[in-house]
Amino acid sequence: SLITNGSPRLTSKTSTPVRINEWNHVSATYNSSTNLFSIYLNGILDTTAVIAGAAPGANPDSLFIGISGSATPFSGQLDEVRIWNRDLSSAEVSRYMRTSLGTSSGVYTGLVLSMTFQRLSNISPFTAEDLSGNGNNGITRNVTARDQTYQPYNTIDINESAEFDGDGDYLAGKDSASVFPADNITFECWYYP
């Protein structure tokens, strides 16, 4: 489900349930000029809805990933967590889902947060550093590194994901207006439930 301002806005219509113990990609977009919400699963448009008056509200709270309140913790792994300040097109969702992005320029204009969980060398520690260049570095709470060398991608040789055991662990980002775009937004990540 896609939730804004505490209310469900859109639920996946797929006839194929989320694959447990496999990597899946989800991308959710919102366009303020059309009030269009969209959900993409594994790069394919799943469902859309036009909902007036449901724009994500600006708020001063920190960004939390992996938990929504205390009753809905995520158990599994996350990788390539990204937020854009624009709604990606279907072609962009499909193209970028298999790419580790680390800059906010050129074709990647509008990338405001990119947590790739990649170690930058064999000796660097696991990190929730924002590689978009915007300095929106995250912190981890009880999240552990999970070696994903050559998975889910076959081209990244030093690769990790964030592992959540579903017991009070999450990622958090600083209070920053840049990670709460008000007009157009895309949130995407790989997840392994």
Protein backbone atom coordinates (compact mmCIF):
# COMPACT_ATOMS: atom_id res chain seq x y z
CA SER A 1 0.00 0.00 0.00
CA LEU A 2 1.02 3.58 -0.66
CA ILE A 3 0.30 5.85 2.32
CA THR A 4 0.50 9.66 2.54
CA ASN A 5 -0.32 11.78 5.59
CA GLY A 6 -1.29 8.65 7.52
CA SER A 7 -3.96 7.50 5.04
CA PRO A 8 -3.78 4.64 2.50
CA ARG A 9 -3.98 6.03 -1.06
CA LEU A 10 -3.26 3.13 -3.37
CA THR A 11 -2.96 -0.65 -3.00
CA SER A 12 -1.17 -2.95 -5.41
CA LYS A 13 -3.52 -4.72 -7.81
CA THR A 14 -1.07 -7.41 -8.83
CA SER A 15 -2.37 -10.95 -9.07
CA THR A 16 1.13 -12.21 -8.26
CA PRO A 17 1.96 -11.78 -4.57
CA VAL A 18 5.28 -10.37 -3.43
CA ARG A 19 7.91 -13.05 -3.73
CA ILE A 20 9.13 -14.05 -0.26
CA ASN A 21 12.86 -14.85 0.08
CA GLU A 22 13.55 -13.20 -3.28
CA TRP A 23 14.62 -9.70 -4.27
CA ASN A 24 11.78 -7.46 -5.44
CA HIS A 25 11.84 -3.82 -6.58
CA VAL A 26 9.15 -1.29 -5.70
CA SER A 27 8.81 2.27 -6.92
CA ALA A 28 6.03 4.65 -5.86
CA THR A 29 5.52 8.00 -7.59
CA TYR A 30 3.32 11.06 -7.12
CA ASN A 31 2.69 13.95 -9.53
CA SER A 32 1.10 17.04 -7.98
CA SER A 33 -0.11 18.60 -11.23
CA THR A 34 -2.21 15.53 -12.08
CA ASN A 35 -2.73 14.10 -8.53
CA LEU A 36 -1.54 10.78 -9.97
CA PHE A 37 -0.15 8.10 -7.66
CA SER A 38 1.57 5.07 -9.27
CA ILE A 39 3.09 1.84 -7.99
CA TYR A 40 5.65 -0.13 -10.04
CA LEU A 41 6.67 -3.67 -9.10
CA ASN A 42 9.90 -5.00 -10.57
CA GLY A 43 9.93 -2.16 -13.12
CA ILE A 44 6.39 -2.75 -14.43
CA LEU A 45 3.48 -0.39 -13.77
CA ASP A 46 1.19 -2.17 -11.31
CA THR A 47 -1.56 0.35 -10.60
CA THR A 48 -2.39 4.06 -10.65
CA ALA A 49 -5.02 6.33 -9.14
CA VAL A 50 -5.88 10.01 -9.33
CA ILE A 51 -6.63 11.23 -5.81
CA ALA A 52 -7.23 14.94 -5.24
CA GLY A 53 -6.14 16.50 -1.95
CA ALA A 54 -3.81 13.63 -1.01
CA ALA A 55 -0.43 15.24 -1.72
CA PRO A 56 2.28 14.23 0.74
CA GLY A 57 2.36 17.02 3.32
CA ALA A 58 5.56 18.76 4.24
CA ASN A 59 6.54 17.88 7.77
CA PRO A 60 9.44 18.50 10.12
CA ASP A 61 9.80 14.85 11.17
CA SER A 62 12.80 12.72 10.41
CA LEU A 63 12.63 10.19 7.59
CA PHE A 64 12.19 6.62 8.84
CA ILE A 65 12.70 3.56 6.62
CA GLY A 66 11.87 0.03 7.75
CA ILE A 67 9.26 1.03 10.32
CA SER A 68 5.99 2.95 10.37
CA GLY A 69 5.00 3.44 13.97
CA SER A 70 5.84 0.73 16.48
CA ALA A 71 3.41 -1.89 15.13
CA THR A 72 4.68 -2.33 11.56
CA PRO A 73 8.37 -3.24 11.59
CA PHE A 74 9.92 -4.65 8.41
CA SER A 75 11.70 -7.99 8.54
CA GLY A 76 14.07 -8.66 5.67
CA GLN A 77 16.63 -6.72 3.67
CA LEU A 78 16.63 -3.39 1.82
CA ASP A 79 19.03 -2.14 -0.81
CA GLU A 80 19.34 0.88 -3.13
CA VAL A 81 16.90 3.08 -1.19
CA ARG A 82 16.27 6.28 -3.19
CA ILE A 83 14.10 9.39 -3.09
CA TRP A 84 13.65 11.73 -6.06
CA ASN A 85 12.04 15.18 -6.09
CA ARG A 86 10.25 14.33 -9.32
CA ASP A 87 7.99 11.53 -10.50
CA LEU A 88 10.00 9.13 -12.64
CA SER A 89 8.52 7.99 -15.94
CA SER A 90 7.83 4.30 -16.56
CA ALA A 91 10.95 4.13 -18.73
CA GLU A 92 13.10 5.70 -15.99
CA VAL A 93 11.78 3.34 -13.31
CA SER A 94 12.58 0.36 -15.52
CA ARG A 95 16.02 1.71 -16.51
CA TYR A 96 17.24 2.92 -13.08
CA MET A 97 16.04 -0.02 -10.97
CA ARG A 98 19.11 -2.06 -11.96
CA THR A 99 21.57 0.78 -11.43
CA SER A 100 23.44 1.84 -8.31
CA LEU A 101 23.08 5.63 -8.39
CA GLY A 102 25.39 8.00 -6.59
CA THR A 103 25.01 11.47 -8.07
CA SER A 104 22.32 14.11 -8.53
CA SER A 105 23.24 15.59 -11.88
CA GLY A 106 22.79 14.95 -15.57
CA VAL A 107 20.13 12.31 -16.21
CA TYR A 108 19.89 11.74 -12.45
CA THR A 109 18.73 15.30 -11.74
CA GLY A 110 16.27 15.28 -8.88
CA LEU A 111 17.88 12.43 -6.93
CA VAL A 112 17.80 13.76 -3.35
CA LEU A 113 18.67 10.59 -1.40
CA SER A 114 20.58 7.51 -2.49
CA MET A 115 21.48 4.95 0.18
CA THR A 116 23.27 2.23 -1.75
CA PHE A 117 24.85 0.52 1.29
CA GLN A 118 27.93 -0.07 -0.86
CA ARG A 119 31.28 -0.23 0.79
CA LEU A 120 33.56 2.05 -1.14
CA SER A 121 36.50 -0.33 -0.65
CA ASN A 122 37.18 -3.70 0.94
CA ILE A 123 38.04 -1.97 4.21
CA SER A 124 35.38 0.74 4.51
CA PRO A 125 32.59 0.04 7.02
CA PHE A 126 28.91 -0.54 6.31
CA THR A 127 27.24 2.85 5.95
CA ALA A 128 23.91 4.58 5.35
CA GLU A 129 25.73 7.43 3.63
CA ASP A 130 23.74 9.41 1.06
CA LEU A 131 25.63 9.09 -2.21
CA SER A 132 23.40 11.57 -4.08
CA GLY A 133 25.77 14.40 -3.17
CA ASN A 134 23.12 16.17 -1.06
CA GLY A 135 24.52 15.19 2.35
CA ASN A 136 21.33 13.49 3.56
CA ASN A 137 23.28 10.81 5.38
CA GLY A 138 21.24 8.36 7.40
CA ILE A 139 21.83 6.53 10.64
CA THR A 140 21.13 2.90 11.38
CA ARG A 141 19.41 1.58 14.49
CA ASN A 142 20.05 -2.13 15.11
CA VAL A 143 20.44 -2.65 11.33
CA THR A 144 23.22 -4.97 10.29
CA ALA A 145 25.19 -5.32 7.09
CA ARG A 146 24.43 -8.30 4.91
CA ASP A 147 27.01 -9.30 2.32
CA GLN A 148 25.37 -9.21 -1.10
CA THR A 149 28.46 -9.58 -3.23
CA TYR A 150 27.17 -10.11 -6.78
CA GLN A 151 23.54 -10.01 -5.56
CA PRO A 152 21.01 -8.63 -6.47
CA TYR A 153 23.22 -7.26 -9.23
CA ASN A 154 25.81 -9.25 -11.11
CA THR A 155 28.15 -6.31 -11.68
CA ILE A 156 28.79 -4.91 -8.21
CA ASP A 157 31.62 -6.76 -6.51
CA ILE A 158 31.54 -4.97 -3.14
CA ASN A 159 27.87 -4.90 -2.24
CA GLU A 160 25.91 -4.93 0.99
CA SER A 161 22.30 -4.47 1.98
CA ALA A 162 20.66 -3.39 5.23
CA GLU A 163 19.21 -6.31 7.19
CA PHE A 164 16.22 -5.82 9.52
CA ASP A 165 15.12 -8.48 12.00
CA GLY A 166 11.73 -6.80 12.59
CA ASP A 167 12.50 -5.97 16.23
CA GLY A 168 12.90 -2.21 16.54
CA ASP A 169 15.45 -1.70 13.78
CA TYR A 170 15.20 1.02 11.14
CA LEU A 171 17.06 3.58 9.10
CA ALA A 172 16.59 7.26 9.86
CA GLY A 173 17.43 10.39 7.93
CA LYS A 174 17.90 13.89 9.25
CA ASP A 175 15.17 16.51 9.28
CA SER A 176 15.61 17.96 5.82
CA ALA A 177 13.11 19.54 3.48
CA SER A 178 15.06 18.06 0.55
CA VAL A 179 13.98 14.49 1.41
CA PHE A 180 10.32 15.54 1.71
CA PRO A 181 9.56 16.90 -1.78
CA ALA A 182 6.17 18.61 -1.79
CA ASP A 183 5.22 18.56 -5.47
CA ASN A 184 6.53 15.46 -7.21
CA ILE A 185 8.20 12.50 -5.56
CA THR A 186 9.46 9.00 -6.25
CA PHE A 187 10.48 6.53 -3.55
CA GLU A 188 12.12 3.29 -4.67
CA CYS A 189 14.11 0.40 -3.26
CA TRP A 190 14.93 -3.26 -3.58
CA TYR A 191 13.47 -5.35 -0.76
CA TYR A 192 13.84 -8.97 0.31
CA PRO A 193 11.02 -9.98 2.67
